[in-house]
Amino acid sequence: MSYEVQKKVQRDLFMVQQLQRRRVTCLRETNRMLHYNSTDWKTLTEIRNINERIKQQEAAREEDIMNSSVVDLWVKELQEKRQTLETEFMEHCRERYEGSERFAYLPGPVGELPVHNCLLLGLTDLAKRLINELHSPSAQSFDPHAIHDVNMPYTSDLAAWRDLQFLPAAHPYDDRGLFTGKTLLHIAVVQKDTQTVRWLIEEKGASIAAQAVGAFFKSQTLSLPKKESSMIFAGRKVSIERSRDRRRAFDNPYGQCDYGEYPLSFAASMGQVKVMVVMKDAITRLIRKDESGTYYDHLVTHYPSKMRVRPSKWSKEFHVCFLMLNAQDSDGNTALHKAVEFGHLKAIDWLLANGGYPSLRTLNDMGYSPVTLAAKCGHVEVFN
């Protein structure tokens, strides 16, 4: 093949790739519009607005700004309206789509479920009600393949478009979805809701090994792997990059929260020591009361193989905490890497004091240990 022909082929390939990227952008904008105009989102937004108005009315009553009897009347009316909306929302979630799957289990335009929207909007009580009724297949089962448990993650926001053949099954700039892999535990950690974090782990068996691998949770430069594997998590196939071999990088305009992938990495990236303490305490309690060892086995199989073997002197609780503190995500980062990257000294101290010392010798895919990463990021206090 002559040089001119090679250049023409490369130029044509580049144009096709650019066209695919523009198509993805248009489809994601369509998904965003569909999401914000969906019935579920509008209903939940209205419920949140009612909650805020109730708080305002109660604050006005306490400050004697308004007549107490008038406020009570208004609050009662708002509570009745909220109850009606919540009942309608729950009935919709119970309904079955075309006589098969319930609407509670069908992903929305951005890959979300109704229960994800509840927690995102701060409707914790409604989210717990939905979890107790429709996302608890069997008490304390901790089955990673359970279709309807609290570990159901976001799916790829482009999956539906691929099914409709608007996109090819695979393309050179596949970022694996926008929010793919995010679970309820990730959302609770980001919202700094320690009570919900404890409840999800200790009472409902939420997995600390869940990985948010979507483009939104990555840096603004993505690298394409040579090999990719997938895992079945809560009945959903989630693509997880395992290879450390790279081909080339491309821009990721959707990267906004490069917090790692594991829930603990999210907390470390935000410097939320209280959340990390609650997670460690909750997982320890859960392992102790899980007599069958199902949850422990589930966690071990979802961490790298070299970390799965438990030394004879280690208890199951200690082993799980060790895995949680030192596990590397698909970019090779541990929770300590993320705490260092964002310069959270208290989070670093807590990680090191609770078993994160092995992470000091761990290199990520860019070849950085936490110490050299601190130097790269210019965090003098962290480096010292």
Protein backbone atom coordinates (compact mmCIF):
# COMPACT_ATOMS: atom_id res chain seq x y z
CA MET A 1 0.00 0.00 0.00
CA SER A 2 1.43 3.36 -1.03
CA TYR A 3 1.99 6.22 1.41
CA GLU A 4 -0.83 8.30 -0.17
CA VAL A 5 -3.30 5.44 0.20
CA GLN A 6 -2.30 4.91 3.84
CA LYS A 7 -2.82 8.61 4.61
CA LYS A 8 -6.22 8.55 2.91
CA VAL A 9 -7.30 5.48 4.91
CA GLN A 10 -6.13 7.09 8.16
CA ARG A 11 -7.95 10.32 7.29
CA ASP A 12 -11.18 8.48 6.46
CA LEU A 13 -10.92 6.45 9.67
CA PHE A 14 -10.43 9.63 11.69
CA MET A 15 -13.53 11.20 10.11
CA VAL A 16 -15.61 8.10 10.93
CA GLN A 17 -14.40 8.15 14.53
CA GLN A 18 -15.21 11.85 14.88
CA LEU A 19 -18.67 11.21 13.47
CA GLN A 20 -19.22 8.44 16.03
CA ARG A 21 -18.14 10.72 18.89
CA ARG A 22 -20.55 13.44 17.74
CA ARG A 23 -23.31 10.86 17.53
CA VAL A 24 -22.57 9.74 21.11
CA THR A 25 -22.73 13.37 22.27
CA CYS A 26 -26.12 13.87 20.60
CA LEU A 27 -27.50 10.63 22.05
CA ARG A 28 -26.35 11.56 25.56
CA GLU A 29 -28.01 14.94 25.28
CA THR A 30 -31.19 13.13 24.24
CA ASN A 31 -30.83 10.83 27.25
CA ARG A 32 -30.45 13.83 29.55
CA MET A 33 -33.63 15.43 28.22
CA LEU A 34 -35.54 12.15 28.51
CA HIS A 35 -34.29 11.70 32.07
CA TYR A 36 -35.36 15.12 33.32
CA ASN A 37 -38.72 14.85 31.54
CA SER A 38 -39.52 11.34 32.78
CA THR A 39 -42.59 10.84 34.97
CA ASP A 40 -40.59 9.31 37.82
CA TRP A 41 -38.11 12.17 37.98
CA LYS A 42 -40.84 14.81 37.90
CA THR A 43 -42.79 13.02 40.64
CA LEU A 44 -39.73 12.66 42.87
CA THR A 45 -38.72 16.26 42.27
CA GLU A 46 -42.19 17.41 43.32
CA ILE A 47 -41.97 15.29 46.49
CA ARG A 48 -38.61 16.88 47.31
CA ASN A 49 -40.07 20.37 46.77
CA ILE A 50 -42.96 19.53 49.09
CA ASN A 51 -40.49 18.42 51.77
CA GLU A 52 -38.65 21.74 51.48
CA ARG A 53 -41.92 23.70 51.74
CA ILE A 54 -42.90 21.74 54.85
CA LYS A 55 -39.58 22.62 56.46
CA GLN A 56 -40.06 26.28 55.59
CA GLN A 57 -43.54 26.31 57.10
CA GLU A 58 -42.36 24.61 60.29
CA ALA A 59 -39.48 27.09 60.58
CA ALA A 60 -41.92 29.99 60.19
CA ARG A 61 -44.08 28.54 62.97
CA GLU A 62 -41.12 28.21 65.35
CA GLU A 63 -40.11 31.83 64.72
CA ASP A 64 -43.71 33.06 65.22
CA ILE A 65 -43.74 34.57 61.75
CA MET A 66 -47.08 32.95 60.91
CA ASN A 67 -50.11 31.84 62.84
CA SER A 68 -49.65 28.33 64.21
CA SER A 69 -53.10 27.06 63.20
CA VAL A 70 -52.66 28.31 59.61
CA VAL A 71 -49.24 26.63 59.37
CA ASP A 72 -50.67 23.35 60.70
CA LEU A 73 -53.38 23.45 58.04
CA TRP A 74 -50.89 24.08 55.24
CA VAL A 75 -48.49 21.42 56.50
CA LYS A 76 -51.30 18.87 56.70
CA GLU A 77 -52.35 19.67 53.14
CA LEU A 78 -48.77 19.30 51.89
CA GLN A 79 -48.31 16.01 53.75
CA GLU A 80 -51.47 14.59 52.18
CA LYS A 81 -50.27 15.64 48.73
CA ARG A 82 -46.88 14.06 49.40
CA GLN A 83 -48.47 10.82 50.55
CA THR A 84 -50.57 10.69 47.37
CA LEU A 85 -47.51 11.19 45.16
CA GLU A 86 -45.50 8.56 47.05
CA THR A 87 -48.35 6.06 46.74
CA GLU A 88 -48.59 6.68 42.99
CA PHE A 89 -44.81 6.32 42.65
CA MET A 90 -44.75 3.02 44.56
CA GLU A 91 -47.65 1.65 42.51
CA HIS A 92 -45.82 2.55 39.30
CA CYS A 93 -42.67 0.76 40.52
CA ARG A 94 -44.72 -2.37 41.29
CA GLU A 95 -46.27 -2.45 37.82
CA ARG A 96 -44.88 -4.80 35.20
CA TYR A 97 -43.69 -3.68 31.80
CA GLU A 98 -45.54 -5.67 29.13
CA GLY A 99 -46.36 -8.29 31.76
CA SER A 100 -42.72 -9.21 32.48
CA GLU A 101 -40.25 -7.09 34.48
CA ARG A 102 -41.36 -4.57 37.09
CA PHE A 103 -40.72 -0.90 36.32
CA ALA A 104 -38.59 -0.73 39.49
CA TYR A 105 -35.98 -2.90 37.74
CA LEU A 106 -35.97 -1.28 34.30
CA PRO A 107 -33.06 1.13 33.66
CA GLY A 108 -33.93 4.66 32.66
CA PRO A 109 -32.37 6.92 30.00
CA VAL A 110 -29.04 7.30 31.83
CA GLY A 111 -29.00 3.71 33.14
CA GLU A 112 -30.59 4.56 36.49
CA LEU A 113 -33.32 2.86 38.50
CA PRO A 114 -36.14 4.60 40.42
CA VAL A 115 -34.43 3.78 43.73
CA HIS A 116 -31.27 5.55 42.52
CA ASN A 117 -33.29 8.67 41.77
CA CYS A 118 -34.83 8.58 45.24
CA LEU A 119 -31.46 8.60 46.96
CA LEU A 120 -29.99 11.16 44.56
CA LEU A 121 -32.78 13.62 45.44
CA GLY A 122 -32.35 13.06 49.16
CA LEU A 123 -35.59 11.10 49.58
CA THR A 124 -34.00 8.61 51.95
CA ASP A 125 -37.20 7.39 53.61
CA LEU A 126 -38.86 6.69 50.26
CA ALA A 127 -35.69 4.96 49.02
CA LYS A 128 -35.63 2.70 52.09
CA ARG A 129 -39.30 1.90 51.63
CA LEU A 130 -38.64 0.91 48.02
CA ILE A 131 -35.58 -1.14 49.01
CA ASN A 132 -37.44 -3.01 51.75
CA GLU A 133 -40.29 -3.91 49.41
CA LEU A 134 -38.67 -4.47 46.03
CA HIS A 135 -34.90 -4.70 46.51
CA SER A 136 -34.62 -7.26 49.30
CA PRO A 137 -35.03 -10.65 47.56
CA SER A 138 -34.10 -12.58 50.70
CA ALA A 139 -32.95 -11.30 54.06
CA GLN A 140 -29.16 -11.43 54.52
CA SER A 141 -28.65 -13.52 51.36
CA PHE A 142 -25.74 -11.38 50.08
CA ASP A 143 -26.02 -13.07 46.72
CA PRO A 144 -23.92 -11.10 44.18
CA HIS A 145 -26.07 -12.49 41.36
CA ALA A 146 -29.39 -11.54 42.95
CA ILE A 147 -31.31 -9.62 40.33
CA HIS A 148 -33.20 -7.27 42.60
CA ASP A 149 -30.98 -6.47 45.57
CA VAL A 150 -29.47 -3.14 46.67
CA ASN A 151 -26.36 -3.75 44.55
CA MET A 152 -28.13 -3.19 41.24
CA PRO A 153 -25.79 -0.71 39.50
CA TYR A 154 -26.31 1.86 36.80
CA THR A 155 -26.03 0.31 33.35
CA SER A 156 -24.50 1.96 30.31
CA ASP A 157 -26.51 4.94 29.09
CA LEU A 158 -25.78 3.88 25.51
CA ALA A 159 -26.95 0.26 25.84
CA ALA A 160 -30.46 0.99 24.55
CA TRP A 161 -29.10 2.88 21.54
CA ARG A 162 -26.87 -0.06 20.68
CA ASP A 163 -29.85 -2.39 20.88
CA LEU A 164 -31.64 -0.08 18.43
CA GLN A 165 -28.50 -0.13 16.22
CA PHE A 166 -27.94 3.63 16.47
CA LEU A 167 -24.42 2.73 17.59
CA PRO A 168 -22.17 -0.18 16.67
CA ALA A 169 -21.66 -2.91 19.25
CA ALA A 170 -18.08 -1.69 19.74
CA HIS A 171 -16.26 1.41 18.59
CA PRO A 172 -12.76 2.84 19.17
CA TYR A 173 -13.94 5.47 21.67
CA ASP A 174 -16.14 3.30 23.86
CA ASP A 175 -16.04 4.77 27.39
CA ARG A 176 -18.27 1.98 28.82
CA GLY A 177 -21.12 4.33 29.68
CA LEU A 178 -21.52 7.51 31.69
CA PHE A 179 -22.41 6.26 35.20
CA THR A 180 -21.89 2.53 34.69
CA GLY A 181 -21.41 0.54 37.89
CA LYS A 182 -22.54 3.20 40.37
CA THR A 183 -24.63 1.73 43.19
CA LEU A 184 -26.72 3.04 46.08
CA LEU A 185 -23.68 2.81 48.36
CA HIS A 186 -21.69 5.14 46.10
CA ILE A 187 -24.54 7.66 46.17
CA ALA A 188 -24.85 7.52 49.97
CA VAL A 189 -21.07 8.03 50.34
CA VAL A 190 -21.09 11.08 48.05
CA GLN A 191 -24.00 12.56 50.02
CA LYS A 192 -22.05 11.99 53.27
CA ASP A 193 -25.05 10.14 54.71
CA THR A 194 -23.38 7.97 57.34
CA GLN A 195 -26.67 6.52 58.62
CA THR A 196 -27.68 5.29 55.17
CA VAL A 197 -24.16 3.94 54.52
CA ARG A 198 -24.33 1.91 57.73
CA TRP A 199 -27.88 0.70 56.98
CA LEU A 200 -27.04 -0.35 53.41
CA ILE A 201 -23.97 -2.36 54.45
CA GLU A 202 -25.01 -3.81 57.78
CA GLU A 203 -28.71 -4.44 57.15
CA LYS A 204 -28.94 -4.91 53.39
CA GLY A 205 -25.53 -6.32 52.47
CA ALA A 206 -24.47 -3.55 50.09
CA SER A 207 -21.18 -4.52 48.46
CA ILE A 208 -18.03 -2.53 49.24
CA ALA A 209 -16.47 -4.19 46.16
CA ALA A 210 -18.84 -2.48 43.70
CA GLN A 211 -16.93 -0.50 41.05
CA ALA A 212 -18.19 2.68 39.39
CA VAL A 213 -16.40 2.46 36.03
CA GLY A 214 -18.38 5.03 34.03
CA ALA A 215 -16.71 7.90 32.18
CA PHE A 216 -18.14 10.41 34.69
CA PHE A 217 -15.92 8.90 37.41
CA LYS A 218 -12.73 8.90 35.35
CA SER A 219 -10.10 11.50 34.56
CA GLN A 220 -10.44 13.71 31.51
CA THR A 221 -8.06 11.43 29.62
CA LEU A 222 -9.04 7.80 29.15
CA SER A 223 -6.75 4.99 28.01
CA LEU A 224 -8.00 2.11 25.95
CA PRO A 225 -7.09 -1.36 27.28
CA LYS A 226 -5.84 -4.20 25.13
CA LYS A 227 -7.98 -6.64 27.06
CA GLU A 228 -11.22 -6.19 28.87
CA SER A 229 -13.27 -8.53 31.03
CA SER A 230 -16.75 -8.28 32.46
CA MET A 231 -18.40 -9.29 35.71
CA ILE A 232 -22.00 -10.14 36.51
CA PHE A 233 -22.94 -7.90 39.39
CA ALA A 234 -26.46 -7.98 40.80
CA GLY A 235 -27.68 -9.64 37.64
CA ARG A 236 -26.15 -7.00 35.38
CA LYS A 237 -23.12 -7.33 33.13
CA VAL A 238 -20.64 -4.59 33.97
CA SER A 239 -17.47 -4.23 31.92
CA ILE A 240 -14.39 -4.08 34.14
CA GLU A 241 -10.99 -3.34 32.70
CA ARG A 242 -8.40 -5.71 34.12
CA SER A 243 -5.45 -5.31 31.80
CA ARG A 244 -2.60 -2.95 32.65
CA ASP A 245 -1.51 -2.83 28.98
CA ARG A 246 -2.52 0.32 27.13
CA ARG A 247 -2.88 1.19 23.48
CA ARG A 248 -3.62 4.92 23.32
CA ALA A 249 -5.43 7.64 25.19
CA PHE A 250 -8.31 9.87 24.19
CA ASP A 251 -10.08 12.86 25.72
CA ASN A 252 -12.93 12.24 28.12
CA PRO A 253 -15.14 15.37 28.22
CA TYR A 254 -17.50 13.66 30.68
CA GLY A 255 -14.94 13.14 33.46
CA GLN A 256 -16.13 15.21 36.41
CA CYS A 257 -15.57 13.10 39.56
CA ASP A 258 -12.34 11.15 39.34
CA TYR A 259 -12.95 9.55 42.73
CA GLY A 260 -11.70 6.06 41.92
CA GLU A 261 -14.17 3.19 41.65
CA TYR A 262 -14.74 1.65 45.08
CA PRO A 263 -17.00 3.30 47.69
CA LEU A 264 -14.03 3.68 50.07
CA SER A 265 -12.08 5.48 47.34
CA PHE A 266 -15.01 7.86 46.93
CA ALA A 267 -14.92 8.65 50.66
CA ALA A 268 -11.11 9.04 50.62
CA SER A 269 -11.28 11.38 47.60
CA MET A 270 -13.71 13.61 49.51
CA GLY A 271 -11.80 13.41 52.79
CA GLN A 272 -14.79 11.90 54.57
CA VAL A 273 -13.15 10.18 57.52
CA LYS A 274 -16.49 9.70 59.31
CA VAL A 275 -17.86 7.77 56.34
CA MET A 276 -14.75 5.59 56.20
CA VAL A 277 -15.03 4.83 59.93
CA VAL A 278 -18.69 3.87 59.50
CA MET A 279 -17.88 1.64 56.51
CA LYS A 280 -15.15 -0.24 58.39
CA ASP A 281 -17.32 -0.65 61.48
CA ALA A 282 -20.37 -1.77 59.49
CA ILE A 283 -18.44 -4.31 57.42
CA THR A 284 -16.84 -5.76 60.55
CA ARG A 285 -20.24 -6.19 62.21
CA LEU A 286 -21.68 -7.73 59.06
CA ILE A 287 -18.90 -10.31 58.68
CA ARG A 288 -19.26 -11.32 62.33
CA LYS A 289 -22.98 -12.00 62.06
CA ASP A 290 -22.77 -13.64 58.62
CA GLU A 291 -22.40 -17.19 59.92
CA SER A 292 -22.75 -18.82 56.50
CA GLY A 293 -19.82 -16.79 55.11
CA THR A 294 -21.76 -15.91 51.94
CA TYR A 295 -20.95 -12.21 52.05
CA TYR A 296 -17.28 -12.87 52.79
CA ASP A 297 -17.02 -15.28 49.85
CA HIS A 298 -18.75 -12.76 47.60
CA LEU A 299 -16.29 -10.00 48.50
CA VAL A 300 -13.21 -12.17 48.13
CA THR A 301 -14.18 -13.27 44.61
CA HIS A 302 -14.60 -9.66 43.48
CA TYR A 303 -11.13 -8.54 44.52
CA PRO A 304 -7.86 -9.28 42.64
CA SER A 305 -6.80 -12.93 42.82
CA LYS A 306 -3.45 -12.19 44.49
CA MET A 307 -5.30 -10.75 47.51
CA ARG A 308 -7.89 -13.52 47.91
CA VAL A 309 -5.83 -15.97 49.95
CA ARG A 310 -6.38 -15.34 53.65
CA PRO A 311 -3.37 -15.98 55.94
CA SER A 312 -4.20 -18.48 58.65
CA LYS A 313 -3.65 -15.95 61.44
CA TRP A 314 -6.06 -13.43 59.95
CA SER A 315 -9.72 -13.32 60.87
CA LYS A 316 -12.31 -12.85 58.12
CA GLU A 317 -13.08 -9.33 59.38
CA PHE A 318 -9.42 -8.32 59.22
CA HIS A 319 -9.02 -9.85 55.76
CA VAL A 320 -12.04 -7.99 54.38
CA CYS A 321 -10.85 -4.69 55.86
CA PHE A 322 -7.39 -5.32 54.37
CA LEU A 323 -8.97 -5.92 50.95
CA MET A 324 -11.14 -2.82 51.22
CA LEU A 325 -8.20 -0.59 52.21
CA ASN A 326 -5.61 -1.85 49.72
CA ALA A 327 -7.54 -3.02 46.64
CA GLN A 328 -6.57 -1.44 43.31
CA ASP A 329 -9.19 -0.28 40.86
CA SER A 330 -8.92 -0.67 37.08
CA ASP A 331 -6.47 2.27 36.94
CA GLY A 332 -4.28 0.74 39.63
CA ASN A 333 -5.25 3.29 42.29
CA THR A 334 -5.99 2.44 45.92
CA ALA A 335 -7.97 4.52 48.39
CA LEU A 336 -4.65 5.95 49.62
CA HIS A 337 -3.77 7.10 46.09
CA LYS A 338 -7.05 9.01 45.87
CA ALA A 339 -6.67 10.59 49.33
CA VAL A 340 -3.16 11.72 48.36
CA GLU A 341 -4.30 13.02 44.97
CA PHE A 342 -6.86 15.30 46.61
CA GLY A 343 -4.59 16.20 49.53
CA HIS A 344 -6.75 15.04 52.45
CA LEU A 345 -4.31 14.62 55.35
CA LYS A 346 -6.85 13.28 57.86
CA ALA A 347 -8.03 10.63 55.41
CA ILE A 348 -4.41 9.62 54.74
CA ASP A 349 -3.69 9.32 58.47
CA TRP A 350 -6.80 7.19 58.99
CA LEU A 351 -5.99 4.85 56.10
CA LEU A 352 -2.44 4.31 57.30
CA ALA A 353 -3.57 3.78 60.90
CA ASN A 354 -6.14 1.17 59.90
CA GLY A 355 -4.11 -1.14 57.68
CA GLY A 356 -3.40 0.84 54.51
CA TYR A 357 0.41 0.71 54.77
CA PRO A 358 0.79 -1.89 51.96
CA SER A 359 -0.64 0.75 49.58
CA LEU A 360 2.50 2.86 50.11
CA ARG A 361 4.41 0.37 47.95
CA THR A 362 1.66 0.02 45.35
CA LEU A 363 2.16 1.58 41.92
CA ASN A 364 -0.80 2.65 39.81
CA ASP A 365 -0.96 2.29 36.03
CA MET A 366 0.95 5.56 35.59
CA GLY A 367 3.77 4.19 37.73
CA TYR A 368 3.09 6.37 40.77
CA SER A 369 3.14 5.27 44.40
CA PRO A 370 1.20 7.46 46.87
CA VAL A 371 4.49 9.20 47.80
CA THR A 372 5.53 10.00 44.23
CA LEU A 373 1.93 10.95 43.40
CA ALA A 374 2.03 13.54 46.21
CA ALA A 375 5.17 15.01 44.66
CA LYS A 376 3.57 15.06 41.20
CA CYS A 377 0.46 16.82 42.53
CA GLY A 378 2.55 19.33 44.45
CA HIS A 379 1.14 18.44 47.88
CA VAL A 380 4.15 19.38 50.01
CA GLU A 381 2.48 18.62 53.36
CA VAL A 382 1.33 15.22 52.16
CA PHE A 383 4.78 14.39 50.76
CA ASN A 384 6.51 15.38 54.01
